[in-house]
Structures are given as C-alpha cells and as structure tokens.
Amino acid sequence: MAYAWGDHVGELELAIMARSREAVFAEGARALGELLGDGDGDAEVRAVAVEGRELPALLAGWLEELVFLAETEGFVPAAVRSLELGDGGVQAVVAGRRGSPPHLVKAVTYHRLAFEPDGEGWYARAVLDV
C-alpha cells in the first residue's frame, strides 16, 4: 500500500495504490491526516459513513467528509480501525486526534478522479482544490 502527492497549480493530486478497495480508503484517510498535520489534542475515534455506488464518487465523498470533520471539529484522521465497503456506500471507524488543522482543502474535485483495478491491486486518484 502506498500513496503519493503531486503538485498542480492550486491543486494537489493524491494517487493511491493499494491491495484492496478497502485499503484505498484507509490510505486516503492516512494521506489526508498527514497533509493536515498531526492533531496535538486528545485521541478520538469517529464513525464515518458515506453513501454512494460508484467507487470514484465514493472516494471523493469519503475524502470530503474527512475534510469536513477537520474543518468543523478539528478532527485529524490518523488510521482506519475498521471499514466496511458495501453496495450502498462505506462505513468506517476512524482514529485520530483533535487539533487545529489548517483550512487547506477547499474541495475534492471530480477532475481526473479515478478508482480502478491495477495489476494485483487497486489504483485511485483524487485532485484536491487547495
């Protein structure tokens, strides 16, 4: 499993390579937590649920929900404790810390959004408007 960031003018591109579809979501949460910085407050656990059927849109919704939690509640994700991916969406328990993350991400765009099989695993890409 791995992820990488790519710079664009006013955007950051997140590319994720993972062995399973569920691991793509876990890596996305971990990458976003790293981008927003470590929360310096108390450890917390949050239930996160996003509805959707198509994997690319579901990934965008997942990242947007984590950005929303960071901006409104100061919750910085660190790791996914459990995750269930079904036909109607994704439900997860995410561990993290409360902090003062920067309001860096304006939106998760659908520009170049991808989520597809790649060899023995999965590849996903999301572009964040910053």
Foldseek 3Di string as FASTA:
>chain_A
DDWDWDDDVQKIKIKDWDQELQVRLFRLLQVQLVVQDAAPADKDKDKDWDWDADSLVLSQRSNVVQLVCCVPFQWRFHGWPDWDQDRTHIITMTMGGHHNTDNSFPGWDPVVFDWQADVNHIMTMIMTRD
